[in-house]
């Protein structure tokens, strides 16, 4: 992976989205929304070995004429969420492009992610490819 930039990237528009793959084991039910599924807040924690939260930038996908579902290629069974960039920045976090050879639209969410901030990111996430809702 390329060296991780630490400053917010102003070329990423506030009205764009970041995309994040969610493994099936990282979904929970949100009692505040009638027990609908939502990603666990742990999906938005930095990784000690790999660094800041890895995301895909929708604005860069569009420039490459790719769609959101392309992000799931090679990840069968995973779900996909999007979060508006403006919400991430409003939480005091930076959004930076960090392209890799495997994913030219790769980016990072950089900054301190307290438990409270991780929960806010999880609640702000909108499903693009969602798990089935439990029928109770």
N, C-alpha and C. Protein backbone atom coordinates (compact mmCIF):
# COMPACT_ATOMS: atom_id res chain seq x y z
N UNK A 1 0.85 -1.17 0.00
CA UNK A 1 0.00 0.00 0.00
C UNK A 1 0.89 1.23 0.00
N UNK A 2 0.41 2.27 -0.67
CA UNK A 2 1.14 3.54 -0.72
C UNK A 2 1.16 4.17 0.67
N UNK A 3 2.10 5.09 0.88
CA UNK A 3 2.16 5.80 2.15
C UNK A 3 0.83 6.50 2.39
N UNK A 4 0.34 6.42 3.62
CA UNK A 4 -0.98 6.97 3.95
C UNK A 4 -0.92 8.47 4.13
N UNK A 5 -1.60 9.23 3.25
CA UNK A 5 -1.68 10.67 3.46
C UNK A 5 -2.50 10.97 4.72
N UNK A 6 -2.18 12.03 5.40
CA UNK A 6 -2.84 12.33 6.66
C UNK A 6 -3.78 13.53 6.61
N UNK A 7 -3.78 14.28 5.51
CA UNK A 7 -4.61 15.48 5.42
C UNK A 7 -5.81 15.23 4.53
N UNK A 8 -6.91 15.88 4.86
CA UNK A 8 -8.13 15.77 4.07
C UNK A 8 -7.85 16.17 2.62
N UNK A 9 -8.47 15.46 1.70
CA UNK A 9 -8.27 15.69 0.27
C UNK A 9 -9.41 16.56 -0.27
N UNK A 10 -9.16 17.85 -0.54
CA UNK A 10 -10.23 18.75 -0.99
C UNK A 10 -10.76 18.40 -2.38
N UNK A 11 -10.07 17.54 -3.13
CA UNK A 11 -10.58 17.14 -4.45
C UNK A 11 -11.73 16.13 -4.35
N UNK A 12 -11.97 15.61 -3.15
CA UNK A 12 -13.09 14.69 -2.93
C UNK A 12 -14.28 15.53 -2.48
N UNK A 13 -15.33 15.60 -3.31
CA UNK A 13 -16.47 16.48 -2.99
C UNK A 13 -17.25 16.04 -1.76
N UNK A 14 -17.76 17.01 -1.01
CA UNK A 14 -18.60 16.74 0.15
C UNK A 14 -19.86 15.95 -0.22
N UNK A 15 -20.36 16.15 -1.43
CA UNK A 15 -21.61 15.48 -1.81
C UNK A 15 -21.38 14.10 -2.43
N UNK A 16 -20.14 13.60 -2.36
CA UNK A 16 -19.87 12.24 -2.83
C UNK A 16 -19.95 11.28 -1.64
N UNK A 17 -19.69 10.02 -1.90
CA UNK A 17 -19.82 8.97 -0.88
C UNK A 17 -18.54 8.16 -0.78
N UNK A 18 -18.36 7.56 0.39
CA UNK A 18 -17.37 6.50 0.52
C UNK A 18 -18.15 5.19 0.61
N UNK A 19 -17.55 4.13 0.10
CA UNK A 19 -18.16 2.81 0.12
C UNK A 19 -17.32 1.91 1.00
N UNK A 20 -17.99 1.02 1.73
CA UNK A 20 -17.27 0.09 2.62
C UNK A 20 -17.94 -1.28 2.52
N UNK A 21 -17.12 -2.31 2.26
CA UNK A 21 -17.61 -3.69 2.27
C UNK A 21 -17.85 -4.11 3.72
N UNK A 22 -18.94 -4.86 3.92
CA UNK A 22 -19.28 -5.34 5.26
C UNK A 22 -19.39 -6.86 5.22
N UNK A 23 -18.54 -7.58 5.98
CA UNK A 23 -18.66 -9.04 6.01
C UNK A 23 -19.95 -9.45 6.73
N UNK A 24 -20.51 -10.61 6.39
CA UNK A 24 -21.77 -11.04 7.02
C UNK A 24 -21.69 -11.11 8.54
N UNK A 25 -20.53 -11.41 9.09
CA UNK A 25 -20.39 -11.51 10.55
C UNK A 25 -20.37 -10.14 11.24
N UNK A 26 -20.31 -9.07 10.47
CA UNK A 26 -20.19 -7.72 11.03
C UNK A 26 -21.46 -6.89 10.87
N UNK A 27 -22.60 -7.58 10.97
CA UNK A 27 -23.91 -6.93 10.88
C UNK A 27 -24.64 -7.18 12.20
N UNK A 28 -25.38 -6.17 12.65
CA UNK A 28 -26.18 -6.30 13.86
C UNK A 28 -27.56 -5.72 13.59
N UNK A 29 -28.47 -5.92 14.52
CA UNK A 29 -29.82 -5.33 14.39
C UNK A 29 -29.88 -4.08 15.24
N UNK A 30 -30.45 -3.02 14.70
CA UNK A 30 -30.54 -1.73 15.38
C UNK A 30 -31.93 -1.57 15.97
N UNK A 31 -32.02 -1.61 17.29
CA UNK A 31 -33.32 -1.52 17.95
C UNK A 31 -33.97 -0.15 17.74
N UNK A 32 -33.15 0.89 17.50
CA UNK A 32 -33.70 2.23 17.29
C UNK A 32 -34.42 2.36 15.95
N UNK A 33 -34.20 1.42 15.05
CA UNK A 33 -34.85 1.50 13.73
C UNK A 33 -35.76 0.29 13.50
N UNK A 34 -36.33 -0.23 14.55
CA UNK A 34 -37.24 -1.36 14.41
C UNK A 34 -36.53 -2.67 14.12
N UNK A 35 -35.33 -2.82 14.65
CA UNK A 35 -34.52 -4.03 14.51
C UNK A 35 -34.07 -4.29 13.08
N UNK A 36 -33.92 -3.24 12.31
CA UNK A 36 -33.38 -3.39 10.96
C UNK A 36 -31.87 -3.60 11.05
N UNK A 37 -31.31 -4.33 10.10
CA UNK A 37 -29.86 -4.57 10.15
C UNK A 37 -29.07 -3.29 9.90
N UNK A 38 -27.91 -3.20 10.55
CA UNK A 38 -26.95 -2.12 10.31
C UNK A 38 -25.56 -2.70 10.52
N UNK A 39 -24.55 -2.08 9.93
CA UNK A 39 -23.20 -2.57 10.15
C UNK A 39 -22.77 -2.32 11.60
N UNK A 40 -22.00 -3.23 12.15
CA UNK A 40 -21.45 -3.03 13.49
C UNK A 40 -20.47 -1.86 13.45
N UNK A 41 -20.36 -1.15 14.55
CA UNK A 41 -19.45 -0.02 14.61
C UNK A 41 -17.99 -0.45 14.45
N UNK A 42 -17.70 -1.71 14.72
CA UNK A 42 -16.33 -2.21 14.57
C UNK A 42 -15.84 -2.15 13.12
N UNK A 43 -16.77 -2.05 12.16
CA UNK A 43 -16.39 -1.90 10.75
C UNK A 43 -15.66 -0.59 10.48
N UNK A 44 -15.74 0.34 11.42
CA UNK A 44 -15.18 1.67 11.23
C UNK A 44 -14.03 1.96 12.19
N UNK A 45 -13.41 0.90 12.69
CA UNK A 45 -12.23 1.02 13.56
C UNK A 45 -10.98 0.83 12.71
N UNK A 46 -9.93 1.58 13.05
CA UNK A 46 -8.65 1.39 12.37
C UNK A 46 -8.11 0.00 12.66
N UNK A 47 -7.29 -0.50 11.74
CA UNK A 47 -6.65 -1.80 11.87
C UNK A 47 -5.21 -1.58 12.32
N UNK A 48 -4.79 -2.22 13.38
CA UNK A 48 -3.44 -2.00 13.93
C UNK A 48 -2.35 -2.28 12.91
N UNK A 49 -2.53 -3.33 12.09
CA UNK A 49 -1.51 -3.69 11.11
C UNK A 49 -1.65 -2.90 9.81
N UNK A 50 -2.89 -2.67 9.38
CA UNK A 50 -3.12 -2.08 8.06
C UNK A 50 -3.35 -0.57 8.10
N UNK A 51 -3.66 -0.02 9.26
CA UNK A 51 -3.82 1.43 9.36
C UNK A 51 -5.27 1.89 9.34
N UNK A 52 -5.50 3.11 8.81
CA UNK A 52 -6.84 3.72 8.82
C UNK A 52 -7.88 2.90 8.05
N UNK A 53 -9.13 3.21 8.33
CA UNK A 53 -10.25 2.51 7.69
C UNK A 53 -10.15 2.63 6.18
N UNK A 54 -10.18 1.48 5.53
CA UNK A 54 -10.07 1.39 4.08
C UNK A 54 -11.46 1.53 3.45
N UNK A 55 -11.55 2.37 2.43
CA UNK A 55 -12.83 2.61 1.76
C UNK A 55 -12.59 2.69 0.26
N UNK A 56 -13.68 2.80 -0.48
CA UNK A 56 -13.61 3.07 -1.91
C UNK A 56 -14.36 4.38 -2.14
N UNK A 57 -13.79 5.25 -2.94
CA UNK A 57 -14.38 6.57 -3.21
C UNK A 57 -15.30 6.50 -4.42
N UNK A 58 -16.57 6.80 -4.20
CA UNK A 58 -17.55 6.71 -5.29
C UNK A 58 -17.22 7.66 -6.44
N UNK A 59 -16.67 8.83 -6.12
CA UNK A 59 -16.35 9.80 -7.17
C UNK A 59 -15.28 9.25 -8.12
N UNK A 60 -14.34 8.48 -7.59
CA UNK A 60 -13.30 7.88 -8.43
C UNK A 60 -13.84 6.68 -9.20
N UNK A 61 -14.79 5.96 -8.61
CA UNK A 61 -15.43 4.86 -9.35
C UNK A 61 -16.14 5.40 -10.58
N UNK A 62 -16.87 6.51 -10.40
CA UNK A 62 -17.63 7.10 -11.51
C UNK A 62 -16.69 7.54 -12.64
N UNK A 63 -15.57 8.16 -12.26
CA UNK A 63 -14.60 8.61 -13.27
C UNK A 63 -14.07 7.43 -14.08
N UNK A 64 -13.98 6.27 -13.45
CA UNK A 64 -13.50 5.07 -14.14
C UNK A 64 -14.63 4.29 -14.80
N UNK A 65 -15.84 4.89 -14.79
CA UNK A 65 -17.03 4.27 -15.37
C UNK A 65 -17.32 2.90 -14.77
N UNK A 66 -17.14 2.82 -13.45
CA UNK A 66 -17.47 1.61 -12.71
C UNK A 66 -18.66 1.92 -11.81
N UNK A 67 -19.34 0.86 -11.33
CA UNK A 67 -20.47 1.09 -10.44
C UNK A 67 -20.18 0.54 -9.04
N UNK A 68 -21.05 0.87 -8.11
CA UNK A 68 -20.84 0.51 -6.71
C UNK A 68 -20.67 -0.99 -6.50
N UNK A 69 -21.45 -1.79 -7.21
CA UNK A 69 -21.39 -3.25 -7.03
C UNK A 69 -20.04 -3.83 -7.44
N UNK A 70 -19.29 -3.12 -8.26
CA UNK A 70 -17.95 -3.59 -8.64
C UNK A 70 -17.05 -3.75 -7.41
N UNK A 71 -17.34 -3.02 -6.36
CA UNK A 71 -16.54 -3.07 -5.13
C UNK A 71 -16.63 -4.45 -4.48
N UNK A 72 -17.72 -5.17 -4.74
CA UNK A 72 -17.91 -6.48 -4.12
C UNK A 72 -17.27 -7.61 -4.91
N UNK A 73 -16.73 -7.31 -6.07
CA UNK A 73 -16.09 -8.34 -6.88
C UNK A 73 -14.98 -9.03 -6.08
N UNK A 74 -15.04 -10.35 -6.05
CA UNK A 74 -14.06 -11.12 -5.28
C UNK A 74 -14.38 -11.24 -3.81
N UNK A 75 -15.52 -10.74 -3.39
CA UNK A 75 -15.95 -10.80 -1.98
C UNK A 75 -17.37 -11.36 -1.89
N UNK A 76 -17.56 -12.63 -2.27
CA UNK A 76 -18.91 -13.20 -2.24
C UNK A 76 -19.50 -13.20 -0.83
N UNK A 77 -20.77 -12.88 -0.74
CA UNK A 77 -21.46 -12.88 0.55
C UNK A 77 -21.33 -11.59 1.33
N UNK A 78 -20.47 -10.67 0.90
CA UNK A 78 -20.31 -9.40 1.60
C UNK A 78 -21.45 -8.46 1.23
N UNK A 79 -21.70 -7.49 2.10
CA UNK A 79 -22.68 -6.45 1.86
C UNK A 79 -21.93 -5.15 1.60
N UNK A 80 -22.67 -4.10 1.24
CA UNK A 80 -22.02 -2.84 0.88
C UNK A 80 -22.82 -1.67 1.42
N UNK A 81 -22.10 -0.73 2.05
CA UNK A 81 -22.74 0.50 2.55
C UNK A 81 -22.05 1.71 1.95
N UNK A 82 -22.76 2.82 2.01
CA UNK A 82 -22.17 4.10 1.62
C UNK A 82 -22.44 5.11 2.72
N UNK A 83 -21.50 6.05 2.85
CA UNK A 83 -21.63 7.14 3.83
C UNK A 83 -21.26 8.43 3.12
N UNK A 84 -22.08 9.47 3.27
CA UNK A 84 -21.73 10.75 2.64
C UNK A 84 -20.42 11.31 3.22
N UNK A 85 -19.59 11.81 2.35
CA UNK A 85 -18.31 12.40 2.76
C UNK A 85 -18.54 13.54 3.74
N UNK A 86 -19.59 14.35 3.52
CA UNK A 86 -19.82 15.49 4.41
C UNK A 86 -20.06 15.06 5.86
N UNK A 87 -20.67 13.89 6.07
CA UNK A 87 -20.90 13.39 7.43
C UNK A 87 -19.58 12.99 8.07
N UNK A 88 -18.73 12.34 7.31
CA UNK A 88 -17.42 11.91 7.83
C UNK A 88 -16.61 13.14 8.24
N UNK A 89 -16.60 14.14 7.39
CA UNK A 89 -15.85 15.37 7.70
C UNK A 89 -16.46 16.11 8.89
N UNK A 90 -17.78 16.08 9.01
CA UNK A 90 -18.45 16.75 10.14
C UNK A 90 -18.08 16.09 11.47
N UNK A 91 -17.65 14.83 11.42
CA UNK A 91 -17.22 14.13 12.63
C UNK A 91 -15.74 14.39 12.94
N UNK A 92 -15.10 15.27 12.15
CA UNK A 92 -13.72 15.63 12.39
C UNK A 92 -12.71 14.67 11.77
N UNK A 93 -13.17 13.85 10.85
CA UNK A 93 -12.29 12.88 10.19
C UNK A 93 -11.92 13.37 8.79
N UNK A 94 -10.83 12.88 8.28
CA UNK A 94 -10.37 13.23 6.94
C UNK A 94 -10.66 12.10 5.97
N UNK A 95 -10.95 12.47 4.74
CA UNK A 95 -11.16 11.50 3.66
C UNK A 95 -10.06 11.75 2.64
N UNK A 96 -9.28 10.71 2.36
CA UNK A 96 -8.14 10.87 1.46
C UNK A 96 -8.13 9.75 0.42
N UNK A 97 -7.67 10.10 -0.77
CA UNK A 97 -7.46 9.10 -1.82
C UNK A 97 -6.15 8.39 -1.52
N UNK A 98 -6.15 7.08 -1.68
CA UNK A 98 -4.96 6.27 -1.46
C UNK A 98 -5.00 5.09 -2.43
N UNK A 99 -4.90 5.39 -3.74
CA UNK A 99 -5.06 4.34 -4.74
C UNK A 99 -4.05 3.20 -4.57
N UNK A 100 -4.50 2.00 -4.89
CA UNK A 100 -3.62 0.83 -4.90
C UNK A 100 -3.67 0.22 -6.29
N UNK A 101 -2.77 -0.69 -6.57
CA UNK A 101 -2.80 -1.36 -7.87
C UNK A 101 -4.07 -2.20 -8.02
N UNK A 102 -4.54 -2.76 -6.92
CA UNK A 102 -5.77 -3.57 -6.97
C UNK A 102 -7.04 -2.73 -7.03
N UNK A 103 -6.99 -1.52 -6.47
CA UNK A 103 -8.18 -0.66 -6.44
C UNK A 103 -7.79 0.80 -6.61
N UNK A 104 -7.86 1.30 -7.85
CA UNK A 104 -7.51 2.70 -8.10
C UNK A 104 -8.41 3.71 -7.39
N UNK A 105 -9.62 3.30 -6.98
CA UNK A 105 -10.54 4.19 -6.28
C UNK A 105 -10.43 4.05 -4.76
N UNK A 106 -9.38 3.39 -4.29
CA UNK A 106 -9.19 3.17 -2.86
C UNK A 106 -8.95 4.49 -2.13
N UNK A 107 -9.43 4.55 -0.91
CA UNK A 107 -9.21 5.70 -0.06
C UNK A 107 -9.16 5.29 1.39
N UNK A 108 -9.02 6.27 2.26
CA UNK A 108 -8.92 6.04 3.70
C UNK A 108 -9.75 7.06 4.46
N UNK A 109 -10.27 6.64 5.59
CA UNK A 109 -10.86 7.56 6.56
C UNK A 109 -9.81 7.70 7.66
N UNK A 110 -9.25 8.90 7.78
CA UNK A 110 -8.12 9.15 8.68
C UNK A 110 -8.58 10.01 9.85
N UNK A 111 -8.11 9.66 11.03
CA UNK A 111 -8.42 10.44 12.23
C UNK A 111 -8.80 9.52 13.37
N UNK A 112 -8.95 10.11 14.53
CA UNK A 112 -9.29 9.34 15.72
C UNK A 112 -10.76 8.93 15.68
N UNK A 113 -10.99 7.64 15.81
CA UNK A 113 -12.35 7.11 15.76
C UNK A 113 -12.71 6.54 17.13
N UNK A 114 -13.25 7.40 17.97
CA UNK A 114 -13.71 6.97 19.28
C UNK A 114 -14.90 6.03 19.11
N UNK A 115 -15.29 5.39 20.18
CA UNK A 115 -16.46 4.52 20.14
C UNK A 115 -17.68 5.30 19.65
N UNK A 116 -17.84 6.51 20.14
CA UNK A 116 -18.97 7.35 19.74
C UNK A 116 -18.94 7.66 18.24
N UNK A 117 -17.78 7.99 17.71
CA UNK A 117 -17.67 8.30 16.29
C UNK A 117 -17.92 7.05 15.45
N UNK A 118 -17.40 5.90 15.87
CA UNK A 118 -17.64 4.66 15.13
C UNK A 118 -19.14 4.34 15.09
N UNK A 119 -19.83 4.56 16.20
CA UNK A 119 -21.28 4.32 16.23
C UNK A 119 -22.01 5.28 15.29
N UNK A 120 -21.58 6.54 15.25
CA UNK A 120 -22.21 7.51 14.35
C UNK A 120 -21.98 7.14 12.90
N UNK A 121 -20.80 6.65 12.56
CA UNK A 121 -20.53 6.20 11.20
C UNK A 121 -21.42 5.01 10.84
N UNK A 122 -21.56 4.07 11.77
CA UNK A 122 -22.40 2.89 11.52
C UNK A 122 -23.86 3.29 11.30
N UNK A 123 -24.33 4.25 12.08
CA UNK A 123 -25.73 4.70 11.93
C UNK A 123 -25.94 5.53 10.67
N UNK A 124 -24.88 6.20 10.21
CA UNK A 124 -24.98 7.01 8.99
C UNK A 124 -24.88 6.16 7.72
N UNK A 125 -24.42 4.94 7.87
CA UNK A 125 -24.24 4.06 6.70
C UNK A 125 -25.58 3.68 6.09
N UNK A 126 -25.64 3.80 4.77
CA UNK A 126 -26.84 3.41 4.01
C UNK A 126 -26.49 2.16 3.22
N UNK A 127 -27.38 1.18 3.27
CA UNK A 127 -27.14 -0.07 2.55
C UNK A 127 -27.25 0.15 1.04
N UNK A 128 -26.31 -0.39 0.30
CA UNK A 128 -26.41 -0.50 -1.15
C UNK A 128 -26.74 -1.95 -1.48
N UNK A 129 -26.02 -2.87 -0.85
CA UNK A 129 -26.33 -4.29 -0.90
C UNK A 129 -26.52 -4.70 0.55
N UNK A 130 -27.75 -5.03 0.93
CA UNK A 130 -28.07 -5.22 2.33
C UNK A 130 -28.36 -6.68 2.67
N UNK A 131 -28.17 -7.02 3.96
CA UNK A 131 -28.54 -8.35 4.42
C UNK A 131 -30.07 -8.45 4.48
N UNK A 132 -30.60 -9.68 4.44
CA UNK A 132 -32.05 -9.80 4.57
C UNK A 132 -32.48 -9.40 5.98
N UNK A 133 -33.66 -8.82 6.08
CA UNK A 133 -34.19 -8.44 7.39
C UNK A 133 -34.75 -9.68 8.06
N UNK A 134 -34.49 -9.78 9.36
CA UNK A 134 -35.03 -10.91 10.14
C UNK A 134 -36.52 -10.71 10.32
N UNK A 135 -37.25 -11.77 10.15
CA UNK A 135 -38.70 -11.74 10.41
C UNK A 135 -38.92 -12.34 11.79
N UNK A 136 -39.46 -11.55 12.70
CA UNK A 136 -39.60 -12.01 14.07
C UNK A 136 -40.91 -12.36 14.43
